[in-house]
Amino acid sequence: LLNKSEIDMQVATAHRYPRSIKRFRDEASQMVTLNEQVAQECIYSLPRKEKDQATGQWVIKPIEGPSARFGEVIASAWGNCRAGSRIVSDQGDFVTAQGVFHDLERNVAITYEVQRRITNSSGQRYKADMIGVTANAACSIALRNAVLKGVPKAFWDDMYVEARKVVMGDVKTLANRR
């Protein structure tokens, strides 16, 4: 009952103070492009080995996308929402995290689950500290995914592109960054 009354109050408040898409876009854009360091936090990049189709050689190519920090900015600027993550399973070789995003104004709720392996290459289970680190990472990823599915991509995709531009710099800053 307590949880229901809290949510009902939040929904009523959201309807009294509706979001402005313009304000959301202005706030989020301002946050993700504030400076180079903030913009870097909004992007993740992981190196992955991939076989080059033309040469047949293994090459390292980055996998890149919006980071958990970017998801936090989007949720904060979106407003009238609840978001969170938790571990729902820690059995066997994997830990499973669930991210939840609930748009109180539109009554749209998204849940997203992420699994992360908690064994090494020999199949031995990680020690407790490493399981904790892996679980936290899974929670961050699940939350980011839920938020970025709950807020339509059309509203934030160009902001991600702008954050990348801030990180890359321009012709004037290229020499310094090298």
Foldseek 3Di string as FASTA:
>chain_A
DVVVVVLVVLLVVCQVPPADLVQLLVQLLCQCVVALVSLVQQKDWDWDWDQDPVPRDTDTDIDMDTFLSSLVSNDVSNDSKDKFKDWPDDDAFKTKMKIWIANSHVRDIFIFIDIDGQADPVRHGHDPVVVVVRRVRRRSVRRSVRSCVVPDCVSCVVSNVSSVCNNCDDPVCNVVVD
